[in-house]
């Protein structure tokens, strides 16, 4: 096996890392604009399409959590319910399953089922911290209008 073969084997890994890094930047930009009407959902759809073609399943769950944050800030119960449903589907194998809990916490809604997550400070303080983030963001957006 020559160097060319090894290099060819390394390129997909480098490409995968670049896609993950770009995805992280896109997620960060969405989180920055969560709760606003600045084309958030259109940009989320574009990112979802990019993620789908890249095959980065974990990035889909991160995107859905960002959408949950956005919906919670806007007090959009239908959007929140849809995001939670998609998160359940994306995390059914157990990876990132705590994202489902966080989405519930941000929206201020009960879990409905028992959680496998064990929070360092317990569920109640963790729930309150996530909810406080939503409320602070909502208040911040009201104050900038």
N, C-alpha and C. Protein backbone atom coordinates (compact mmCIF):
# COMPACT_ATOMS: atom_id res chain seq x y z
N UNK A 1 0.86 -1.17 0.00
CA UNK A 1 0.00 0.00 0.00
C UNK A 1 0.90 1.23 0.00
N UNK A 2 0.76 2.08 -0.99
CA UNK A 2 1.59 3.26 -1.09
C UNK A 2 1.01 4.43 -0.32
N UNK A 3 1.79 5.53 -0.30
CA UNK A 3 1.34 6.74 0.39
C UNK A 3 0.04 7.27 -0.19
N UNK A 4 -0.10 7.13 -1.50
CA UNK A 4 -1.30 7.64 -2.15
C UNK A 4 -2.55 6.95 -1.60
N UNK A 5 -2.46 5.63 -1.35
CA UNK A 5 -3.60 4.90 -0.79
C UNK A 5 -3.92 5.38 0.62
N UNK A 6 -2.89 5.57 1.43
CA UNK A 6 -3.11 6.05 2.79
C UNK A 6 -3.69 7.45 2.78
N UNK A 7 -3.14 8.30 1.91
CA UNK A 7 -3.66 9.67 1.83
C UNK A 7 -5.12 9.66 1.43
N UNK A 8 -5.47 8.80 0.49
CA UNK A 8 -6.86 8.71 0.07
C UNK A 8 -7.76 8.29 1.22
N UNK A 9 -7.25 7.42 2.10
CA UNK A 9 -8.02 6.99 3.25
C UNK A 9 -8.17 8.09 4.29
N UNK A 10 -7.25 9.02 4.33
CA UNK A 10 -7.31 10.08 5.31
C UNK A 10 -8.21 11.23 4.87
N UNK A 11 -8.34 11.43 3.57
CA UNK A 11 -9.13 12.55 3.09
C UNK A 11 -10.58 12.53 3.55
N UNK A 12 -11.26 11.39 3.52
CA UNK A 12 -12.64 11.41 4.01
C UNK A 12 -12.72 11.84 5.48
N UNK A 13 -11.74 11.45 6.30
CA UNK A 13 -11.74 11.86 7.69
C UNK A 13 -11.58 13.37 7.82
N UNK A 14 -10.69 13.94 7.03
CA UNK A 14 -10.50 15.39 7.06
C UNK A 14 -11.75 16.10 6.57
N UNK A 15 -12.35 15.56 5.52
CA UNK A 15 -13.58 16.15 5.00
C UNK A 15 -14.69 16.09 6.04
N UNK A 16 -14.78 14.97 6.74
CA UNK A 16 -15.78 14.79 7.80
C UNK A 16 -15.57 15.82 8.91
N UNK A 17 -14.33 16.05 9.29
CA UNK A 17 -14.02 17.04 10.33
C UNK A 17 -14.39 18.45 9.86
N UNK A 18 -14.09 18.77 8.60
CA UNK A 18 -14.45 20.09 8.07
C UNK A 18 -15.96 20.30 8.08
N UNK A 19 -16.71 19.29 7.68
CA UNK A 19 -18.17 19.40 7.69
C UNK A 19 -18.68 19.60 9.10
N UNK A 20 -18.10 18.89 10.06
CA UNK A 20 -18.52 19.05 11.45
C UNK A 20 -18.22 20.43 11.98
N UNK A 21 -17.06 20.98 11.61
CA UNK A 21 -16.70 22.33 12.04
C UNK A 21 -17.63 23.37 11.44
N UNK A 22 -17.93 23.22 10.15
CA UNK A 22 -18.87 24.15 9.50
C UNK A 22 -20.25 24.04 10.12
N UNK A 23 -20.65 22.82 10.44
CA UNK A 23 -21.95 22.61 11.07
C UNK A 23 -21.99 23.29 12.43
N UNK A 24 -20.92 23.20 13.20
CA UNK A 24 -20.87 23.86 14.51
C UNK A 24 -21.02 25.37 14.37
N UNK A 25 -20.35 25.95 13.38
CA UNK A 25 -20.47 27.40 13.15
C UNK A 25 -21.91 27.78 12.78
N UNK A 26 -22.54 26.95 11.96
CA UNK A 26 -23.91 27.22 11.55
C UNK A 26 -24.87 27.09 12.73
N UNK A 27 -24.64 26.09 13.58
CA UNK A 27 -25.46 25.95 14.79
C UNK A 27 -25.30 27.16 15.70
N UNK A 28 -24.07 27.62 15.85
CA UNK A 28 -23.81 28.78 16.71
C UNK A 28 -24.53 30.01 16.18
N UNK A 29 -24.50 30.19 14.87
CA UNK A 29 -25.18 31.35 14.27
C UNK A 29 -26.69 31.25 14.50
N UNK A 30 -27.24 30.05 14.41
CA UNK A 30 -28.67 29.88 14.67
C UNK A 30 -29.00 30.19 16.13
N UNK A 31 -28.19 29.68 17.04
CA UNK A 31 -28.44 29.94 18.46
C UNK A 31 -28.37 31.43 18.77
N UNK A 32 -27.47 32.13 18.11
CA UNK A 32 -27.36 33.58 18.30
C UNK A 32 -28.66 34.28 17.93
N UNK A 33 -29.36 33.77 16.93
CA UNK A 33 -30.58 34.40 16.43
C UNK A 33 -31.86 33.73 16.93
N UNK A 34 -31.73 32.76 17.83
CA UNK A 34 -32.91 32.04 18.32
C UNK A 34 -33.92 33.01 18.92
N UNK A 35 -35.17 32.81 18.57
CA UNK A 35 -36.25 33.63 19.09
C UNK A 35 -36.56 34.85 18.24
N UNK A 36 -35.73 35.12 17.26
CA UNK A 36 -35.94 36.29 16.41
C UNK A 36 -36.68 35.88 15.14
N UNK A 37 -37.09 36.86 14.38
CA UNK A 37 -37.74 36.60 13.10
C UNK A 37 -36.79 36.85 11.95
N UNK A 38 -35.50 36.65 12.16
CA UNK A 38 -34.48 36.97 11.15
C UNK A 38 -34.23 35.80 10.20
N UNK A 39 -35.28 35.15 9.75
CA UNK A 39 -35.11 34.03 8.84
C UNK A 39 -34.59 32.78 9.52
N UNK A 40 -34.75 32.71 10.82
CA UNK A 40 -34.23 31.59 11.60
C UNK A 40 -34.68 30.25 11.03
N UNK A 41 -35.97 30.08 10.85
CA UNK A 41 -36.47 28.78 10.42
C UNK A 41 -36.06 28.44 8.99
N UNK A 42 -35.96 29.43 8.12
CA UNK A 42 -35.47 29.17 6.76
C UNK A 42 -34.01 28.71 6.80
N UNK A 43 -33.21 29.38 7.61
CA UNK A 43 -31.79 28.99 7.74
C UNK A 43 -31.67 27.61 8.38
N UNK A 44 -32.56 27.30 9.31
CA UNK A 44 -32.54 25.97 9.93
C UNK A 44 -32.87 24.90 8.89
N UNK A 45 -33.79 25.18 7.98
CA UNK A 45 -34.14 24.22 6.93
C UNK A 45 -32.96 23.98 5.99
N UNK A 46 -32.25 25.04 5.66
CA UNK A 46 -31.07 24.90 4.80
C UNK A 46 -30.01 24.06 5.51
N UNK A 47 -29.78 24.36 6.79
CA UNK A 47 -28.80 23.60 7.55
C UNK A 47 -29.24 22.13 7.67
N UNK A 48 -30.52 21.89 7.87
CA UNK A 48 -31.03 20.52 7.96
C UNK A 48 -30.75 19.76 6.68
N UNK A 49 -30.93 20.41 5.55
CA UNK A 49 -30.64 19.76 4.26
C UNK A 49 -29.16 19.45 4.13
N UNK A 50 -28.31 20.39 4.54
CA UNK A 50 -26.86 20.16 4.50
C UNK A 50 -26.46 19.01 5.41
N UNK A 51 -27.03 18.99 6.60
CA UNK A 51 -26.71 17.93 7.55
C UNK A 51 -27.17 16.58 7.01
N UNK A 52 -28.33 16.55 6.42
CA UNK A 52 -28.88 15.31 5.88
C UNK A 52 -27.96 14.71 4.82
N UNK A 53 -27.44 15.56 3.94
CA UNK A 53 -26.56 15.05 2.88
C UNK A 53 -25.18 14.70 3.42
N UNK A 54 -24.79 15.30 4.55
CA UNK A 54 -23.46 15.02 5.09
C UNK A 54 -23.42 13.72 5.87
N UNK A 55 -24.58 13.28 6.37
CA UNK A 55 -24.61 12.04 7.13
C UNK A 55 -24.21 12.21 8.59
N UNK A 56 -24.12 13.43 9.09
CA UNK A 56 -23.74 13.67 10.48
C UNK A 56 -25.00 13.66 11.35
N UNK A 57 -25.38 12.47 11.78
CA UNK A 57 -26.63 12.30 12.51
C UNK A 57 -26.64 13.10 13.80
N UNK A 58 -25.52 13.15 14.53
CA UNK A 58 -25.48 13.89 15.79
C UNK A 58 -25.78 15.37 15.55
N UNK A 59 -25.41 15.87 14.39
CA UNK A 59 -25.66 17.28 14.08
C UNK A 59 -27.15 17.54 13.90
N UNK A 60 -27.89 16.55 13.44
CA UNK A 60 -29.34 16.70 13.32
C UNK A 60 -29.97 16.92 14.69
N UNK A 61 -29.50 16.17 15.68
CA UNK A 61 -30.03 16.33 17.04
C UNK A 61 -29.66 17.70 17.60
N UNK A 62 -28.46 18.17 17.33
CA UNK A 62 -28.06 19.51 17.78
C UNK A 62 -28.93 20.58 17.15
N UNK A 63 -29.21 20.42 15.88
CA UNK A 63 -30.07 21.38 15.18
C UNK A 63 -31.47 21.37 15.78
N UNK A 64 -31.98 20.20 16.04
CA UNK A 64 -33.33 20.09 16.60
C UNK A 64 -33.39 20.72 17.99
N UNK A 65 -32.32 20.59 18.76
CA UNK A 65 -32.28 21.23 20.07
C UNK A 65 -32.27 22.75 19.92
N UNK A 66 -31.55 23.27 18.93
CA UNK A 66 -31.56 24.71 18.66
C UNK A 66 -32.97 25.16 18.26
N UNK A 67 -33.65 24.36 17.46
CA UNK A 67 -35.03 24.68 17.09
C UNK A 67 -35.94 24.67 18.32
N UNK A 68 -35.71 23.74 19.21
CA UNK A 68 -36.50 23.70 20.46
C UNK A 68 -36.30 24.96 21.27
N UNK A 69 -35.07 25.44 21.33
CA UNK A 69 -34.76 26.69 22.03
C UNK A 69 -35.52 27.85 21.39
N UNK A 70 -35.46 27.93 20.08
CA UNK A 70 -36.15 28.97 19.32
C UNK A 70 -37.65 28.93 19.60
N UNK A 71 -38.24 27.75 19.53
CA UNK A 71 -39.69 27.61 19.75
C UNK A 71 -40.06 27.96 21.19
N UNK A 72 -39.22 27.57 22.14
CA UNK A 72 -39.50 27.88 23.55
C UNK A 72 -39.47 29.39 23.78
N UNK A 73 -38.51 30.07 23.19
CA UNK A 73 -38.41 31.53 23.32
C UNK A 73 -39.66 32.19 22.76
N UNK A 74 -40.13 31.69 21.64
CA UNK A 74 -41.31 32.27 20.98
C UNK A 74 -42.62 31.74 21.55
N UNK A 75 -42.51 30.86 22.55
CA UNK A 75 -43.68 30.25 23.19
C UNK A 75 -44.57 29.56 22.15
N UNK A 76 -43.93 28.89 21.21
CA UNK A 76 -44.60 28.18 20.13
C UNK A 76 -44.78 26.72 20.55
N UNK A 77 -45.92 26.40 21.13
CA UNK A 77 -46.14 25.06 21.67
C UNK A 77 -46.17 23.99 20.57
N UNK A 78 -46.73 24.31 19.41
CA UNK A 78 -46.76 23.34 18.31
C UNK A 78 -45.35 23.05 17.80
N UNK A 79 -44.55 24.11 17.63
CA UNK A 79 -43.18 23.93 17.18
C UNK A 79 -42.36 23.15 18.19
N UNK A 80 -42.58 23.45 19.46
CA UNK A 80 -41.87 22.73 20.52
C UNK A 80 -42.24 21.25 20.50
N UNK A 81 -43.52 20.95 20.41
CA UNK A 81 -43.96 19.55 20.38
C UNK A 81 -43.36 18.81 19.18
N UNK A 82 -43.33 19.47 18.04
CA UNK A 82 -42.75 18.85 16.83
C UNK A 82 -41.26 18.60 17.01
N UNK A 83 -40.55 19.57 17.59
CA UNK A 83 -39.11 19.41 17.83
C UNK A 83 -38.83 18.28 18.81
N UNK A 84 -39.62 18.21 19.87
CA UNK A 84 -39.44 17.14 20.85
C UNK A 84 -39.68 15.78 20.21
N UNK A 85 -40.69 15.69 19.37
CA UNK A 85 -40.97 14.44 18.68
C UNK A 85 -39.80 14.04 17.79
N UNK A 86 -39.27 15.00 17.03
CA UNK A 86 -38.12 14.70 16.16
C UNK A 86 -36.89 14.33 16.99
N UNK A 87 -36.69 15.03 18.13
CA UNK A 87 -35.56 14.69 18.99
C UNK A 87 -35.69 13.26 19.52
N UNK A 88 -36.89 12.87 19.91
CA UNK A 88 -37.09 11.49 20.39
C UNK A 88 -36.68 10.49 19.31
N UNK A 89 -37.08 10.77 18.08
CA UNK A 89 -36.75 9.87 16.98
C UNK A 89 -35.24 9.84 16.73
N UNK A 90 -34.61 11.00 16.74
CA UNK A 90 -33.18 11.09 16.47
C UNK A 90 -32.33 10.44 17.57
N UNK A 91 -32.84 10.41 18.78
CA UNK A 91 -32.05 9.92 19.92
C UNK A 91 -32.54 8.57 20.44
N UNK A 92 -33.36 7.88 19.69
CA UNK A 92 -33.93 6.62 20.17
C UNK A 92 -32.89 5.55 20.46
N UNK A 93 -31.71 5.68 19.86
CA UNK A 93 -30.63 4.71 20.13
C UNK A 93 -29.91 5.01 21.45
N UNK A 94 -30.27 6.12 22.07
CA UNK A 94 -29.68 6.46 23.37
C UNK A 94 -28.65 7.58 23.32
N UNK A 95 -28.07 7.83 22.15
CA UNK A 95 -27.09 8.90 22.02
C UNK A 95 -27.81 10.25 22.08
N UNK A 96 -27.33 11.13 22.93
CA UNK A 96 -27.89 12.47 23.08
C UNK A 96 -29.35 12.46 23.53
N UNK A 97 -29.80 11.39 24.17
CA UNK A 97 -31.19 11.30 24.61
C UNK A 97 -31.53 12.39 25.62
N UNK A 98 -30.54 12.88 26.34
CA UNK A 98 -30.79 13.96 27.30
C UNK A 98 -31.23 15.25 26.60
N UNK A 99 -31.02 15.36 25.30
CA UNK A 99 -31.52 16.53 24.56
C UNK A 99 -33.04 16.62 24.65
N UNK A 100 -33.71 15.48 24.71
CA UNK A 100 -35.17 15.46 24.84
C UNK A 100 -35.56 16.11 26.16
N UNK A 101 -34.86 15.76 27.23
CA UNK A 101 -35.12 16.37 28.53
C UNK A 101 -34.89 17.88 28.47
N UNK A 102 -33.79 18.29 27.88
CA UNK A 102 -33.46 19.72 27.80
C UNK A 102 -34.54 20.48 27.04
N UNK A 103 -35.04 19.89 25.96
CA UNK A 103 -36.11 20.55 25.19
C UNK A 103 -37.35 20.74 26.06
N UNK A 104 -37.69 19.74 26.83
CA UNK A 104 -38.81 19.86 27.76
C UNK A 104 -38.53 20.95 28.80
N UNK A 105 -37.34 20.96 29.34
CA UNK A 105 -36.98 21.94 30.37
C UNK A 105 -37.08 23.36 29.82
N UNK A 106 -36.55 23.56 28.62
CA UNK A 106 -36.59 24.90 28.02
C UNK A 106 -38.02 25.37 27.82
N UNK A 107 -38.89 24.47 27.42
CA UNK A 107 -40.28 24.82 27.14
C UNK A 107 -41.13 24.90 28.40
N UNK A 108 -40.59 24.40 29.51
CA UNK A 108 -41.35 24.42 30.76
C UNK A 108 -42.48 23.41 30.76
N UNK A 109 -42.29 22.30 30.06
CA UNK A 109 -43.32 21.26 30.02
C UNK A 109 -42.81 19.99 30.70
N UNK A 110 -43.72 19.20 31.27
CA UNK A 110 -43.30 17.96 31.93
C UNK A 110 -42.72 16.96 30.93
N UNK A 111 -41.86 16.08 31.44
CA UNK A 111 -41.23 15.09 30.58
C UNK A 111 -42.22 14.08 30.01
N UNK A 112 -43.20 13.69 30.76
CA UNK A 112 -44.18 12.72 30.27
C UNK A 112 -43.74 11.28 30.46
N UNK A 113 -42.45 11.02 30.37
CA UNK A 113 -41.90 9.69 30.61
C UNK A 113 -40.70 9.84 31.53
N UNK A 114 -40.32 8.76 32.17
CA UNK A 114 -39.15 8.87 33.04
C UNK A 114 -37.89 9.02 32.18
N UNK A 115 -36.96 9.75 32.71
CA UNK A 115 -35.72 10.04 31.99
C UNK A 115 -34.61 9.10 32.45
N UNK A 116 -33.74 8.78 31.52
CA UNK A 116 -32.55 7.99 31.85
C UNK A 116 -31.40 8.90 32.31
N UNK A 117 -31.56 10.19 32.06
CA UNK A 117 -30.50 11.15 32.41
C UNK A 117 -30.42 11.31 33.92
N UNK A 118 -29.22 11.45 34.40
CA UNK A 118 -28.98 11.73 35.82
C UNK A 118 -28.23 13.05 35.88
N UNK A 119 -28.90 14.06 36.38
CA UNK A 119 -28.35 15.41 36.41
C UNK A 119 -27.54 15.61 37.69
N UNK A 120 -26.39 16.22 37.58
CA UNK A 120 -25.49 16.40 38.72
C UNK A 120 -26.19 17.08 39.89
N UNK A 121 -26.92 18.14 39.62
CA UNK A 121 -27.62 18.88 40.68
C UNK A 121 -29.05 18.40 40.87
N UNK A 122 -29.46 17.39 40.16
CA UNK A 122 -30.83 16.92 40.20
C UNK A 122 -31.64 17.54 39.08
N UNK A 123 -32.80 16.96 38.83
CA UNK A 123 -33.62 17.41 37.71
C UNK A 123 -34.19 18.81 37.91
N UNK A 124 -34.69 19.10 39.09
CA UNK A 124 -35.37 20.38 39.31
C UNK A 124 -34.45 21.59 39.07
N UNK A 125 -33.25 21.65 39.68
CA UNK A 125 -32.39 22.81 39.40
C UNK A 125 -31.93 22.87 37.94
N UNK A 126 -31.73 21.71 37.34
CA UNK A 126 -31.32 21.67 35.93
C UNK A 126 -32.44 22.20 35.05
N UNK A 127 -33.65 21.75 35.33
CA UNK A 127 -34.83 22.24 34.60
C UNK A 127 -34.93 23.75 34.73
N UNK A 128 -34.74 24.26 35.92
CA UNK A 128 -34.89 25.70 36.15
C UNK A 128 -33.82 26.50 35.40
N UNK A 129 -32.60 25.99 35.38
CA UNK A 129 -31.52 26.70 34.66
C UNK A 129 -31.84 26.81 33.17
N UNK A 130 -32.31 25.72 32.57
CA UNK A 130 -32.64 25.75 31.15
C UNK A 130 -33.82 26.68 30.89
N UNK A 131 -34.81 26.63 31.76
CA UNK A 131 -35.96 27.52 31.60
C UNK A 131 -35.54 28.98 31.76
N UNK A 132 -34.65 29.23 32.72
CA UNK A 132 -34.15 30.59 32.94
C UNK A 132 -33.44 31.14 31.70
N UNK A 133 -32.72 30.28 30.98
CA UNK A 133 -32.06 30.72 29.73
C UNK A 133 -33.09 31.21 28.72
N UNK A 134 -34.19 30.48 28.61
CA UNK A 134 -35.25 30.86 27.67
C UNK A 134 -35.87 32.18 28.08
N UNK A 135 -36.18 32.31 29.35
CA UNK A 135 -36.82 33.53 29.85
C UNK A 135 -35.89 34.73 29.69
N UNK A 136 -34.61 34.54 29.99
CA UNK A 136 -33.64 35.63 29.83
C UNK A 136 -33.53 36.04 28.37
N UNK A 137 -33.50 35.09 27.48
CA UNK A 137 -33.42 35.40 26.04
C UNK A 137 -34.68 36.12 25.59
N UNK A 138 -35.83 35.65 26.02
CA UNK A 138 -37.10 36.27 25.66
C UNK A 138 -37.13 37.72 26.17
N UNK A 139 -36.74 37.92 27.43
CA UNK A 139 -36.71 39.27 28.01
C UNK A 139 -35.72 40.16 27.26
N UNK A 140 -34.56 39.60 26.92
CA UNK A 140 -33.56 40.36 26.19
C UNK A 140 -34.06 40.80 24.83
N UNK A 141 -34.78 39.95 24.16
CA UNK A 141 -35.33 40.31 22.85
C UNK A 141 -36.40 41.38 22.98
N UNK A 142 -37.21 41.32 24.02
CA UNK A 142 -38.23 42.36 24.24
C UNK A 142 -37.58 43.71 24.50
N UNK A 143 -36.48 43.70 25.22
CA UNK A 143 -35.81 44.95 25.59
C UNK A 143 -35.05 45.58 24.43
N UNK A 144 -34.78 44.84 23.36
CA UNK A 144 -34.05 45.39 22.22
C UNK A 144 -34.99 45.89 21.14
N UNK A 145 -36.28 45.68 21.32
CA UNK A 145 -37.25 46.13 20.30
C UNK A 145 -37.61 47.57 20.47
